[in-house]
Amino acid sequence: ASVQLMLHPDQFNNLFLELQFSAGSLEAVNGEPV
């Protein structure tokens, strides 16, 4: 599992986007299983 944060580069590093990935979340890339 992992969490990635995309922040506004301001003095407070305000959050723009948070993406939370569970273990096993990746299924396929271009039809090829992961």
ModelCIF file with pLDDT and N, C-alpha, C, O atoms, coordinates in Angstrom:
data_MODEL
#
_entry.id   MODEL 
#
_entity.id                         1 
_entity.type                       polymer 
_entity.pdbx_number_of_molecules   1 
#
_entity_poly.entity_id                      1 
_entity_poly.type                           'polypeptide(L)' 
_entity_poly.nstd_linkage                   no 
_entity_poly.nstd_monomer                   no 
_entity_poly.pdbx_seq_one_letter_code       ASVQLMLHPDQFNNLFLELQFSAGSLEAVNGEPV 
_entity_poly.pdbx_seq_one_letter_code_can   ASVQLMLHPDQFNNLFLELQFSAGSLEAVNGEPV 
_entity_poly.pdbx_strand_id                 A 
#
loop_
_entity_poly_seq.entity_id 
_entity_poly_seq.num 
_entity_poly_seq.mon_id 
_entity_poly_seq.hetero 
1 1  ALA n 
1 2  SER n 
1 3  VAL n 
1 4  GLN n 
1 5  LEU n 
1 6  MET n 
1 7  LEU n 
1 8  HIS n 
1 9  PRO n 
1 10 ASP n 
1 11 GLN n 
1 12 PHE n 
1 13 ASN n 
1 14 ASN n 
1 15 LEU n 
1 16 PHE n 
1 17 LEU n 
1 18 GLU n 
1 19 LEU n 
1 20 GLN n 
1 21 PHE n 
1 22 SER n 
1 23 ALA n 
1 24 GLY n 
1 25 SER n 
1 26 LEU n 
1 27 GLU n 
1 28 ALA n 
1 29 VAL n 
1 30 ASN n 
1 31 GLY n 
1 32 GLU n 
1 33 PRO n 
1 34 VAL n 
#
_struct_asym.id          A 
_struct_asym.entity_id   1 
#
loop_
_ma_qa_metric.id 
_ma_qa_metric.mode 
_ma_qa_metric.name 
_ma_qa_metric.software_group_id 
_ma_qa_metric.type 
1 global pLDDT . pLDDT 
2 local  pLDDT . pLDDT 
#
_ma_qa_metric_global.metric_id      1 
_ma_qa_metric_global.metric_value   97.15 
_ma_qa_metric_global.model_id       1 
_ma_qa_metric_global.ordinal_id     1 
#
loop_
_ma_qa_metric_local.label_asym_id 
_ma_qa_metric_local.label_comp_id 
_ma_qa_metric_local.label_seq_id 
_ma_qa_metric_local.metric_id 
_ma_qa_metric_local.metric_value 
_ma_qa_metric_local.model_id 
_ma_qa_metric_local.ordinal_id 
A ALA 1  2 98.00 1 1  
A SER 2  2 97.00 1 2  
A VAL 3  2 98.00 1 3  
A GLN 4  2 98.00 1 4  
A LEU 5  2 98.00 1 5  
A MET 6  2 98.00 1 6  
A LEU 7  2 98.00 1 7  
A HIS 8  2 97.00 1 8  
A PRO 9  2 96.00 1 9  
A ASP 10 2 95.00 1 10 
A GLN 11 2 94.00 1 11 
A PHE 12 2 94.00 1 12 
A ASN 13 2 95.00 1 13 
A ASN 14 2 97.00 1 14 
A LEU 15 2 97.00 1 15 
A PHE 16 2 98.00 1 16 
A LEU 17 2 98.00 1 17 
A GLU 18 2 98.00 1 18 
A LEU 19 2 98.00 1 19 
A GLN 20 2 98.00 1 20 
A PHE 21 2 98.00 1 21 
A SER 22 2 97.00 1 22 
A ALA 23 2 98.00 1 23 
A GLY 24 2 98.00 1 24 
A SER 25 2 98.00 1 25 
A LEU 26 2 98.00 1 26 
A GLU 27 2 98.00 1 27 
A ALA 28 2 98.00 1 28 
A VAL 29 2 97.00 1 29 
A ASN 30 2 96.00 1 30 
A GLY 31 2 96.00 1 31 
A GLU 32 2 97.00 1 32 
A PRO 33 2 97.00 1 33 
A VAL 34 2 97.00 1 34 
#
loop_
_atom_site.group_PDB 
_atom_site.id 
_atom_site.type_symbol 
_atom_site.label_atom_id 
_atom_site.label_alt_id 
_atom_site.label_comp_id 
_atom_site.label_asym_id 
_atom_site.label_entity_id 
_atom_site.label_seq_id 
_atom_site.pdbx_PDB_ins_code 
_atom_site.Cartn_x 
_atom_site.Cartn_y 
_atom_site.Cartn_z 
_atom_site.occupancy 
_atom_site.B_iso_or_equiv 
_atom_site.pdbx_formal_charge 
_atom_site.auth_seq_id 
_atom_site.auth_comp_id 
_atom_site.auth_asym_id 
_atom_site.auth_atom_id 
_atom_site.pdbx_PDB_model_num 
ATOM 1   N N  . ALA A 1 1  ? 0.859  -1.182 0.000   1.00 98.00 ? 1  ALA A N  1 
ATOM 2   C CA . ALA A 1 1  ? 0.000  0.000  0.000   1.00 98.00 ? 1  ALA A CA 1 
ATOM 3   C C  . ALA A 1 1  ? 0.899  1.238  0.000   1.00 98.00 ? 1  ALA A C  1 
ATOM 4   O O  . ALA A 1 1  ? 1.998  1.214  0.555   1.00 98.00 ? 1  ALA A O  1 
ATOM 5   N N  . SER A 1 2  ? 0.435  2.296  -0.614  1.00 97.00 ? 2  SER A N  1 
ATOM 6   C CA . SER A 1 2  ? 1.203  3.548  -0.591  1.00 97.00 ? 2  SER A CA 1 
ATOM 7   C C  . SER A 1 2  ? 0.269  4.742  -0.753  1.00 97.00 ? 2  SER A C  1 
ATOM 8   O O  . SER A 1 2  ? -0.859 4.612  -1.228  1.00 97.00 ? 2  SER A O  1 
ATOM 9   N N  . VAL A 1 3  ? 0.759  5.890  -0.353  1.00 98.00 ? 3  VAL A N  1 
ATOM 10  C CA . VAL A 1 3  ? 0.024  7.147  -0.485  1.00 98.00 ? 3  VAL A CA 1 
ATOM 11  C C  . VAL A 1 3  ? 0.950  8.153  -1.142  1.00 98.00 ? 3  VAL A C  1 
ATOM 12  O O  . VAL A 1 3  ? 2.104  8.302  -0.739  1.00 98.00 ? 3  VAL A O  1 
ATOM 13  N N  . GLN A 1 4  ? 0.441  8.845  -2.156  1.00 98.00 ? 4  GLN A N  1 
ATOM 14  C CA . GLN A 1 4  ? 1.208  9.877  -2.842  1.00 98.00 ? 4  GLN A CA 1 
ATOM 15  C C  . GLN A 1 4  ? 0.463  11.200 -2.717  1.00 98.00 ? 4  GLN A C  1 
ATOM 16  O O  . GLN A 1 4  ? -0.753 11.262 -2.898  1.00 98.00 ? 4  GLN A O  1 
ATOM 17  N N  . LEU A 1 5  ? 1.210  12.256 -2.404  1.00 98.00 ? 5  LEU A N  1 
ATOM 18  C CA . LEU A 1 5  ? 0.624  13.582 -2.252  1.00 98.00 ? 5  LEU A CA 1 
ATOM 19  C C  . LEU A 1 5  ? 1.149  14.517 -3.323  1.00 98.00 ? 5  LEU A C  1 
ATOM 20  O O  . LEU A 1 5  ? 2.350  14.546 -3.592  1.00 98.00 ? 5  LEU A O  1 
ATOM 21  N N  . MET A 1 6  ? 0.258  15.280 -3.935  1.00 98.00 ? 6  MET A N  1 
ATOM 22  C CA . MET A 1 6  ? 0.633  16.356 -4.850  1.00 98.00 ? 6  MET A CA 1 
ATOM 23  C C  . MET A 1 6  ? 0.237  17.653 -4.133  1.00 98.00 ? 6  MET A C  1 
ATOM 24  O O  . MET A 1 6  ? -0.924 17.849 -3.774  1.00 98.00 ? 6  MET A O  1 
ATOM 25  N N  . LEU A 1 7  ? 1.212  18.523 -3.934  1.00 98.00 ? 7  LEU A N  1 
ATOM 26  C CA . LEU A 1 7  ? 1.004  19.725 -3.137  1.00 98.00 ? 7  LEU A CA 1 
ATOM 27  C C  . LEU A 1 7  ? 1.152  20.988 -3.966  1.00 98.00 ? 7  LEU A C  1 
ATOM 28  O O  . LEU A 1 7  ? 1.875  21.019 -4.962  1.00 98.00 ? 7  LEU A O  1 
ATOM 29  N N  . HIS A 1 8  ? 0.440  22.045 -3.526  1.00 97.00 ? 8  HIS A N  1 
ATOM 30  C CA . HIS A 1 8  ? 0.712  23.367 -4.074  1.00 97.00 ? 8  HIS A CA 1 
ATOM 31  C C  . HIS A 1 8  ? 2.048  23.817 -3.474  1.00 97.00 ? 8  HIS A C  1 
ATOM 32  O O  . HIS A 1 8  ? 2.223  23.728 -2.258  1.00 97.00 ? 8  HIS A O  1 
ATOM 33  N N  . PRO A 1 9  ? 2.984  24.290 -4.279  1.00 96.00 ? 9  PRO A N  1 
ATOM 34  C CA . PRO A 1 9  ? 4.277  24.721 -3.716  1.00 96.00 ? 9  PRO A CA 1 
ATOM 35  C C  . PRO A 1 9  ? 4.187  26.120 -3.093  1.00 96.00 ? 9  PRO A C  1 
ATOM 36  O O  . PRO A 1 9  ? 4.856  27.053 -3.536  1.00 96.00 ? 9  PRO A O  1 
ATOM 37  N N  . ASP A 1 10 ? 3.355  26.245 -2.067  1.00 95.00 ? 10 ASP A N  1 
ATOM 38  C CA . ASP A 1 10 ? 3.240  27.506 -1.336  1.00 95.00 ? 10 ASP A CA 1 
ATOM 39  C C  . ASP A 1 10 ? 3.893  27.334 0.036   1.00 95.00 ? 10 ASP A C  1 
ATOM 40  O O  . ASP A 1 10 ? 4.435  26.268 0.328   1.00 95.00 ? 10 ASP A O  1 
ATOM 41  N N  . GLN A 1 11 ? 3.851  28.337 0.854   1.00 94.00 ? 11 GLN A N  1 
ATOM 42  C CA . GLN A 1 11 ? 4.537  28.260 2.152   1.00 94.00 ? 11 GLN A CA 1 
ATOM 43  C C  . GLN A 1 11 ? 3.919  27.222 3.084   1.00 94.00 ? 11 GLN A C  1 
ATOM 44  O O  . GLN A 1 11 ? 4.565  26.794 4.040   1.00 94.00 ? 11 GLN A O  1 
ATOM 45  N N  . PHE A 1 12 ? 2.670  26.807 2.818   1.00 94.00 ? 12 PHE A N  1 
ATOM 46  C CA . PHE A 1 12 ? 2.017  25.836 3.682   1.00 94.00 ? 12 PHE A CA 1 
ATOM 47  C C  . PHE A 1 12 ? 1.933  24.444 3.056   1.00 94.00 ? 12 PHE A C  1 
ATOM 48  O O  . PHE A 1 12 ? 1.441  23.511 3.691   1.00 94.00 ? 12 PHE A O  1 
ATOM 49  N N  . ASN A 1 13 ? 2.407  24.293 1.816   1.00 95.00 ? 13 ASN A N  1 
ATOM 50  C CA . ASN A 1 13 ? 2.293  23.025 1.095   1.00 95.00 ? 13 ASN A CA 1 
ATOM 51  C C  . ASN A 1 13 ? 0.861  22.495 1.129   1.00 95.00 ? 13 ASN A C  1 
ATOM 52  O O  . ASN A 1 13 ? 0.618  21.347 1.501   1.00 95.00 ? 13 ASN A O  1 
ATOM 53  N N  . ASN A 1 14 ? -0.081 23.354 0.735   1.00 97.00 ? 14 ASN A N  1 
ATOM 54  C CA . ASN A 1 14 ? -1.482 22.954 0.699   1.00 97.00 ? 14 ASN A CA 1 
ATOM 55  C C  . ASN A 1 14 ? -1.682 21.771 -0.238  1.00 97.00 ? 14 ASN A C  1 
ATOM 56  O O  . ASN A 1 14 ? -1.098 21.703 -1.319  1.00 97.00 ? 14 ASN A O  1 
ATOM 57  N N  . LEU A 1 15 ? -2.514 20.852 0.201   1.00 97.00 ? 15 LEU A N  1 
ATOM 58  C CA . LEU A 1 15 ? -2.803 19.653 -0.573  1.00 97.00 ? 15 LEU A CA 1 
ATOM 59  C C  . LEU A 1 15 ? -3.599 19.997 -1.828  1.00 97.00 ? 15 LEU A C  1 
ATOM 60  O O  . LEU A 1 15 ? -4.551 20.776 -1.774  1.00 97.00 ? 15 LEU A O  1 
ATOM 61  N N  . PHE A 1 16 ? -3.206 19.418 -2.945  1.00 98.00 ? 16 PHE A N  1 
ATOM 62  C CA . PHE A 1 16 ? -3.938 19.487 -4.202  1.00 98.00 ? 16 PHE A CA 1 
ATOM 63  C C  . PHE A 1 16 ? -4.610 18.124 -4.440  1.00 98.00 ? 16 PHE A C  1 
ATOM 64  O O  . PHE A 1 16 ? -5.814 18.053 -4.688  1.00 98.00 ? 16 PHE A O  1 
ATOM 65  N N  . LEU A 1 17 ? -3.816 17.043 -4.360  1.00 98.00 ? 17 LEU A N  1 
ATOM 66  C CA . LEU A 1 17 ? -4.310 15.700 -4.641  1.00 98.00 ? 17 LEU A CA 1 
ATOM 67  C C  . LEU A 1 17 ? -3.619 14.689 -3.741  1.00 98.00 ? 17 LEU A C  1 
ATOM 68  O O  . LEU A 1 17 ? -2.411 14.757 -3.514  1.00 98.00 ? 17 LEU A O  1 
ATOM 69  N N  . GLU A 1 18 ? -4.407 13.753 -3.233  1.00 98.00 ? 18 GLU A N  1 
ATOM 70  C CA . GLU A 1 18 ? -3.873 12.601 -2.510  1.00 98.00 ? 18 GLU A CA 1 
ATOM 71  C C  . GLU A 1 18 ? -4.362 11.356 -3.230  1.00 98.00 ? 18 GLU A C  1 
ATOM 72  O O  . GLU A 1 18 ? -5.552 11.229 -3.520  1.00 98.00 ? 18 GLU A O  1 
ATOM 73  N N  . LEU A 1 19 ? -3.443 10.430 -3.521  1.00 98.00 ? 19 LEU A N  1 
ATOM 74  C CA . LEU A 1 19 ? -3.790 9.145  -4.127  1.00 98.00 ? 19 LEU A CA 1 
ATOM 75  C C  . LEU A 1 19 ? -3.381 8.035  -3.168  1.00 98.00 ? 19 LEU A C  1 
ATOM 76  O O  . LEU A 1 19 ? -2.211 7.923  -2.801  1.00 98.00 ? 19 LEU A O  1 
ATOM 77  N N  . GLN A 1 20 ? -4.346 7.217  -2.763  1.00 98.00 ? 20 GLN A N  1 
ATOM 78  C CA . GLN A 1 20 ? -4.093 6.094  -1.852  1.00 98.00 ? 20 GLN A CA 1 
ATOM 79  C C  . GLN A 1 20 ? -4.198 4.791  -2.646  1.00 98.00 ? 20 GLN A C  1 
ATOM 80  O O  . GLN A 1 20 ? -5.245 4.487  -3.217  1.00 98.00 ? 20 GLN A O  1 
ATOM 81  N N  . PHE A 1 21 ? -3.122 4.040  -2.675  1.00 98.00 ? 21 PHE A N  1 
ATOM 82  C CA . PHE A 1 21 ? -3.070 2.756  -3.375  1.00 98.00 ? 21 PHE A CA 1 
ATOM 83  C C  . PHE A 1 21 ? -3.089 1.623  -2.355  1.00 98.00 ? 21 PHE A C  1 
ATOM 84  O O  . PHE A 1 21 ? -2.307 1.623  -1.404  1.00 98.00 ? 21 PHE A O  1 
ATOM 85  N N  . SER A 1 22 ? -3.977 0.668  -2.555  1.00 97.00 ? 22 SER A N  1 
ATOM 86  C CA . SER A 1 22 ? -4.002 -0.551 -1.732  1.00 97.00 ? 22 SER A CA 1 
ATOM 87  C C  . SER A 1 22 ? -3.015 -1.551 -2.319  1.00 97.00 ? 22 SER A C  1 
ATOM 88  O O  . SER A 1 22 ? -2.698 -1.490 -3.507  1.00 97.00 ? 22 SER A O  1 
ATOM 89  N N  . ALA A 1 23 ? -2.536 -2.458 -1.503  1.00 98.00 ? 23 ALA A N  1 
ATOM 90  C CA . ALA A 1 23 ? -1.724 -3.563 -2.023  1.00 98.00 ? 23 ALA A CA 1 
ATOM 91  C C  . ALA A 1 23 ? -2.575 -4.340 -3.021  1.00 98.00 ? 23 ALA A C  1 
ATOM 92  O O  . ALA A 1 23 ? -3.744 -4.618 -2.754  1.00 98.00 ? 23 ALA A O  1 
ATOM 93  N N  . GLY A 1 24 ? -2.004 -4.688 -4.154  1.00 98.00 ? 24 GLY A N  1 
ATOM 94  C CA . GLY A 1 24 ? -2.722 -5.436 -5.174  1.00 98.00 ? 24 GLY A CA 1 
ATOM 95  C C  . GLY A 1 24 ? -3.640 -4.601 -6.045  1.00 98.00 ? 24 GLY A C  1 
ATOM 96  O O  . GLY A 1 24 ? -4.479 -5.155 -6.756  1.00 98.00 ? 24 GLY A O  1 
ATOM 97  N N  . SER A 1 25 ? -3.505 -3.293 -6.011  1.00 98.00 ? 25 SER A N  1 
ATOM 98  C CA . SER A 1 25 ? -4.408 -2.440 -6.801  1.00 98.00 ? 25 SER A CA 1 
ATOM 99  C C  . SER A 1 25 ? -4.106 -2.457 -8.298  1.00 98.00 ? 25 SER A C  1 
ATOM 100 O O  . SER A 1 25 ? -5.004 -2.229 -9.109  1.00 98.00 ? 25 SER A O  1 
ATOM 101 N N  . LEU A 1 26 ? -2.859 -2.724 -8.672  1.00 98.00 ? 26 LEU A N  1 
ATOM 102 C CA . LEU A 1 26 ? -2.485 -2.731 -10.089 1.00 98.00 ? 26 LEU A CA 1 
ATOM 103 C C  . LEU A 1 26 ? -2.955 -4.033 -10.731 1.00 98.00 ? 26 LEU A C  1 
ATOM 104 O O  . LEU A 1 26 ? -2.592 -5.119 -10.279 1.00 98.00 ? 26 LEU A O  1 
ATOM 105 N N  . GLU A 1 27 ? -3.768 -3.922 -11.791 1.00 98.00 ? 27 GLU A N  1 
ATOM 106 C CA . GLU A 1 27 ? -4.278 -5.120 -12.457 1.00 98.00 ? 27 GLU A CA 1 
ATOM 107 C C  . GLU A 1 27 ? -3.584 -5.382 -13.789 1.00 98.00 ? 27 GLU A C  1 
ATOM 108 O O  . GLU A 1 27 ? -3.148 -6.503 -14.051 1.00 98.00 ? 27 GLU A O  1 
ATOM 109 N N  . ALA A 1 28 ? -3.480 -4.344 -14.643 1.00 98.00 ? 28 ALA A N  1 
ATOM 110 C CA . ALA A 1 28 ? -2.897 -4.547 -15.975 1.00 98.00 ? 28 ALA A CA 1 
ATOM 111 C C  . ALA A 1 28 ? -2.380 -3.230 -16.528 1.00 98.00 ? 28 ALA A C  1 
ATOM 112 O O  . ALA A 1 28 ? -2.841 -2.154 -16.148 1.00 98.00 ? 28 ALA A O  1 
ATOM 113 N N  . VAL A 1 29 ? -1.404 -3.335 -17.441 1.00 97.00 ? 29 VAL A N  1 
ATOM 114 C CA . VAL A 1 29 ? -0.918 -2.192 -18.208 1.00 97.00 ? 29 VAL A CA 1 
ATOM 115 C C  . VAL A 1 29 ? -0.972 -2.600 -19.673 1.00 97.00 ? 29 VAL A C  1 
ATOM 116 O O  . VAL A 1 29 ? -0.329 -3.566 -20.085 1.00 97.00 ? 29 VAL A O  1 
ATOM 117 N N  . ASN A 1 30 ? -1.741 -1.858 -20.447 1.00 96.00 ? 30 ASN A N  1 
ATOM 118 C CA . ASN A 1 30 ? -1.942 -2.161 -21.874 1.00 96.00 ? 30 ASN A CA 1 
ATOM 119 C C  . ASN A 1 30 ? -2.357 -3.615 -22.098 1.00 96.00 ? 30 ASN A C  1 
ATOM 120 O O  . ASN A 1 30 ? -1.893 -4.272 -23.030 1.00 96.00 ? 30 ASN A O  1 
ATOM 121 N N  . GLY A 1 31 ? -3.239 -4.105 -21.224 1.00 96.00 ? 31 GLY A N  1 
ATOM 122 C CA . GLY A 1 31 ? -3.760 -5.459 -21.357 1.00 96.00 ? 31 GLY A CA 1 
ATOM 123 C C  . GLY A 1 31 ? -2.890 -6.555 -20.781 1.00 96.00 ? 31 GLY A C  1 
ATOM 124 O O  . GLY A 1 31 ? -3.323 -7.705 -20.701 1.00 96.00 ? 31 GLY A O  1 
ATOM 125 N N  . GLU A 1 32 ? -1.659 -6.225 -20.375 1.00 97.00 ? 32 GLU A N  1 
ATOM 126 C CA . GLU A 1 32 ? -0.753 -7.219 -19.796 1.00 97.00 ? 32 GLU A CA 1 
ATOM 127 C C  . GLU A 1 32 ? -0.925 -7.232 -18.275 1.00 97.00 ? 32 GLU A C  1 
ATOM 128 O O  . GLU A 1 32 ? -0.807 -6.188 -17.635 1.00 97.00 ? 32 GLU A O  1 
ATOM 129 N N  . PRO A 1 33 ? -1.200 -8.395 -17.694 1.00 97.00 ? 33 PRO A N  1 
ATOM 130 C CA . PRO A 1 33 ? -1.400 -8.473 -16.244 1.00 97.00 ? 33 PRO A CA 1 
ATOM 131 C C  . PRO A 1 33 ? -0.174 -8.002 -15.458 1.00 97.00 ? 33 PRO A C  1 
ATOM 132 O O  . PRO A 1 33 ? 0.965  -8.185 -15.886 1.00 97.00 ? 33 PRO A O  1 
ATOM 133 N N  . VAL A 1 34 ? -0.434 -7.396 -14.310 1.00 97.00 ? 34 VAL A N  1 
ATOM 134 C CA . VAL A 1 34 ? 0.619  -6.967 -13.391 1.00 97.00 ? 34 VAL A CA 1 
ATOM 135 C C  . VAL A 1 34 ? 0.618  -7.951 -12.231 1.00 97.00 ? 34 VAL A C  1 
ATOM 136 O O  . VAL A 1 34 ? 1.419  -7.816 -11.306 1.00 97.00 ? 34 VAL A O  1 
#
